[in-house]
Amino acid sequence: MSSTPILILSRRRARPWLLACFGLMAATGALMFFHWNTPVQRSLHAWLGWLVLIGVALQLLGNGSLIGRFFTHPRLAVGLLTFALTLMLGTSLQRGPTAQAAPALAVQALGRAPLRTLAEVFGLTPAQARQVLAETGIAVPDDGTSLDAATQGRASQVNDGLKALASATQPPPR
C-alpha cells in the first residue's frame, strides 16, 4: 500500500486541527503574556502544545518527501540543525529568579536590612522592634545590625523574628 492514506490523514485531518490548536495556543499565550490567565487556561495551553507537536509530526510524516528536498544541500541542513540545537541549549541554560522565588527573595532582603529600616517597614520604632525581637529570643545590639546578623544567619529565627514584627505592626490610621 502506498503512502496515500498518510497523506490523506495528514492533509485532511491534521492541518485543520493543527491550525485550530495553534490559534488557541496563540490566544492563551497572548493572555498569559499579559498575566490575564487562570490555572485552566495554563493547563489548556500546555495540552494544546502537545496537540500541536502531534499535528506537526503528522505533517512531517505526510510530507516527508517534500521536506526532504529542503535538506539536499548539506550546509543548509547543518545550519538549521546547529541553529535549533543552539536555541534549545540557550533556553535550557537560562536561569533567574522565578515568580515562586519572589517571596523568598523578599524575606532575605528584610533579614539583611538594618533594624532601623526593618522597624520602619513594619511601622515601629527601633526600640519597639528591638523589644518585640527580644521577646522572641533575638537580641539585636544596635539599630544598624540586621536580623540576619543578630541570628547568625539562622533562617528559622529570621522567619520567627519577621513574623513577630508583622504581628506587632499597628494598622495605619484612617
Protein backbone atom coordinates (compact mmCIF):
# COMPACT_ATOMS: atom_id res chain seq x y z
CA MET A 1 0.00 0.00 0.00
CA SER A 2 1.29 3.47 -0.79
CA SER A 3 1.66 6.46 1.49
CA THR A 4 -1.64 7.96 0.23
CA PRO A 5 -3.58 7.18 3.46
CA ILE A 6 -0.95 9.03 5.49
CA LEU A 7 -1.17 11.99 3.11
CA ILE A 8 -4.98 12.00 3.38
CA LEU A 9 -4.78 11.75 7.17
CA SER A 10 -2.14 14.46 7.24
CA ARG A 11 -3.73 16.96 4.90
CA ARG A 12 -7.42 16.45 5.56
CA ARG A 13 -7.39 15.94 9.31
CA ALA A 14 -4.13 17.14 10.79
CA ARG A 15 -3.98 20.55 9.13
CA PRO A 16 -7.33 21.89 10.45
CA TRP A 17 -6.58 20.52 13.92
CA LEU A 18 -3.09 21.94 13.80
CA LEU A 19 -4.38 25.37 12.79
CA ALA A 20 -7.13 25.31 15.44
CA CYS A 21 -4.70 24.26 18.18
CA PHE A 22 -2.18 26.85 17.08
CA GLY A 23 -4.85 29.57 17.10
CA LEU A 24 -5.96 28.63 20.61
CA MET A 25 -2.35 28.40 21.78
CA ALA A 26 -1.62 31.83 20.35
CA ALA A 27 -4.66 33.28 22.15
CA THR A 28 -3.88 31.64 25.50
CA GLY A 29 -0.19 32.54 25.13
CA ALA A 30 -1.03 36.20 24.48
CA LEU A 31 -3.32 36.29 27.52
CA MET A 32 -0.63 34.63 29.65
CA PHE A 33 1.91 37.19 28.46
CA PHE A 34 -0.29 39.99 29.84
CA HIS A 35 -0.97 37.97 33.05
CA TRP A 36 -4.67 37.57 32.25
CA ASN A 37 -4.70 33.87 32.89
CA THR A 38 -6.21 31.17 35.04
CA PRO A 39 -4.94 27.71 36.01
CA VAL A 40 -7.36 26.15 33.49
CA GLN A 41 -6.00 28.39 30.77
CA ARG A 42 -2.37 27.47 31.57
CA SER A 43 -3.29 23.77 31.52
CA LEU A 44 -5.13 24.20 28.21
CA HIS A 45 -2.11 25.98 26.77
CA ALA A 46 0.21 23.15 27.82
CA TRP A 47 -2.03 20.40 26.40
CA LEU A 48 -2.55 22.33 23.17
CA GLY A 49 1.22 22.41 22.84
CA TRP A 50 1.25 18.61 22.79
CA LEU A 51 -1.51 18.55 20.17
CA VAL A 52 0.46 20.96 18.00
CA LEU A 53 3.50 18.67 18.27
CA ILE A 54 1.38 15.69 17.19
CA GLY A 55 -0.04 17.73 14.29
CA VAL A 56 3.44 18.74 13.17
CA ALA A 57 4.59 15.11 13.37
CA LEU A 58 1.66 14.07 11.17
CA GLN A 59 2.50 16.82 8.70
CA LEU A 60 6.12 15.64 8.59
CA LEU A 61 5.02 12.05 8.03
CA GLY A 62 2.66 13.02 5.23
CA ASN A 63 5.02 15.41 3.53
CA GLY A 64 8.34 13.71 4.24
CA SER A 65 9.47 13.58 0.64
CA LEU A 66 8.77 17.29 0.13
CA ILE A 67 10.51 18.25 3.34
CA GLY A 68 13.46 16.00 2.49
CA ARG A 69 14.14 18.17 -0.56
CA PHE A 70 14.96 21.11 1.70
CA PHE A 71 17.84 19.16 3.20
CA THR A 72 19.54 18.10 -0.03
CA HIS A 73 22.14 20.80 0.48
CA PRO A 74 24.36 19.71 3.40
CA ARG A 75 25.20 23.24 4.56
CA LEU A 76 21.54 24.14 4.92
CA ALA A 77 20.82 21.01 6.94
CA VAL A 78 23.83 21.56 9.21
CA GLY A 79 22.96 25.25 9.62
CA LEU A 80 19.34 24.56 10.57
CA LEU A 81 20.34 21.78 12.95
CA THR A 82 23.00 23.98 14.57
CA PHE A 83 20.53 26.83 14.97
CA ALA A 84 17.90 24.54 16.54
CA LEU A 85 20.38 22.97 18.97
CA THR A 86 21.83 26.36 19.94
CA LEU A 87 18.36 27.74 20.57
CA MET A 88 17.38 24.73 22.70
CA LEU A 89 20.63 24.82 24.67
CA GLY A 90 20.44 28.58 25.20
CA THR A 91 16.90 28.48 26.54
CA SER A 92 17.56 25.47 28.76
CA LEU A 93 20.53 27.16 30.46
CA GLN A 94 18.63 30.35 31.21
CA ARG A 95 18.42 30.93 34.95
CA GLY A 96 17.00 33.64 37.13
CA PRO A 97 14.53 34.35 39.90
CA THR A 98 11.12 32.92 39.26
CA ALA A 99 7.74 34.04 40.47
CA GLN A 100 7.85 31.35 43.16
CA ALA A 101 11.21 32.67 44.40
CA ALA A 102 9.97 36.26 44.85
CA PRO A 103 8.64 35.79 48.42
CA ALA A 104 11.89 34.11 49.48
CA LEU A 105 13.91 36.97 47.98
CA ALA A 106 11.75 39.48 49.88
CA VAL A 107 12.29 37.63 53.17
CA GLN A 108 16.05 37.54 52.53
CA ALA A 109 16.09 41.28 51.81
CA LEU A 110 14.17 42.04 55.02
CA GLY A 111 16.51 39.81 57.01
CA ARG A 112 19.55 41.70 55.70
CA ALA A 113 18.12 45.17 56.36
CA PRO A 114 19.38 47.10 59.41
CA LEU A 115 17.00 47.19 62.37
CA ARG A 116 16.14 50.87 61.85
CA THR A 117 14.97 50.11 58.27
CA LEU A 118 13.20 46.92 59.31
CA ALA A 119 11.35 48.76 62.09
CA GLU A 120 10.26 51.43 59.62
CA VAL A 121 8.92 48.77 57.21
CA PHE A 122 6.73 47.36 59.99
CA GLY A 123 5.66 50.79 61.28
CA LEU A 124 7.55 50.51 64.56
CA THR A 125 10.30 52.47 66.21
CA PRO A 126 13.69 50.74 66.50
CA ALA A 127 13.15 50.46 70.27
CA GLN A 128 9.75 48.78 69.76
CA ALA A 129 11.23 46.41 67.16
CA ARG A 130 14.12 45.54 69.48
CA GLN A 131 11.62 44.81 72.31
CA VAL A 132 9.46 42.56 70.07
CA LEU A 133 12.54 40.67 68.88
CA ALA A 134 13.84 40.31 72.47
CA GLU A 135 10.52 38.67 73.40
CA THR A 136 11.14 36.06 70.68
CA GLY A 137 14.68 35.41 71.95
CA ILE A 138 16.56 37.51 69.39
CA ALA A 139 18.97 40.10 70.79
CA VAL A 140 19.78 42.93 68.37
CA PRO A 141 22.64 45.04 69.80
CA ASP A 142 22.08 48.27 67.84
CA ASP A 143 19.96 49.92 65.16
CA GLY A 144 22.50 49.18 62.41
CA THR A 145 22.54 45.42 62.97
CA SER A 146 20.45 43.25 60.66
CA LEU A 147 18.19 40.45 61.80
CA ASP A 148 20.32 38.06 59.77
CA ALA A 149 23.48 39.14 61.61
CA ALA A 150 21.77 39.03 65.02
CA THR A 151 20.62 35.42 64.42
CA GLN A 152 23.93 34.42 62.79
CA GLY A 153 22.09 33.52 59.59
CA ARG A 154 19.63 31.05 61.11
CA ALA A 155 16.71 31.18 58.67
CA SER A 156 14.15 29.82 61.13
CA GLN A 157 14.99 32.55 63.66
CA VAL A 158 14.89 35.24 60.97
CA ASN A 159 11.43 33.99 59.95
CA ASP A 160 10.26 33.92 63.57
CA GLY A 161 11.53 37.48 64.08
CA LEU A 162 9.81 38.74 60.94
CA LYS A 163 6.54 37.06 61.98
CA ALA A 164 6.77 38.63 65.42
CA LEU A 165 7.40 42.07 63.90
CA ALA A 166 4.50 41.63 61.50
CA SER A 167 2.13 40.66 64.31
CA ALA A 168 3.25 43.71 66.34
CA THR A 169 2.58 46.06 63.44
CA GLN A 170 -0.05 48.66 64.14
CA PRO A 171 -2.58 49.24 61.34
CA PRO A 172 -2.17 52.66 59.73
CA PRO A 173 -4.58 55.40 60.93
CA ARG A 174 -7.53 56.14 58.68
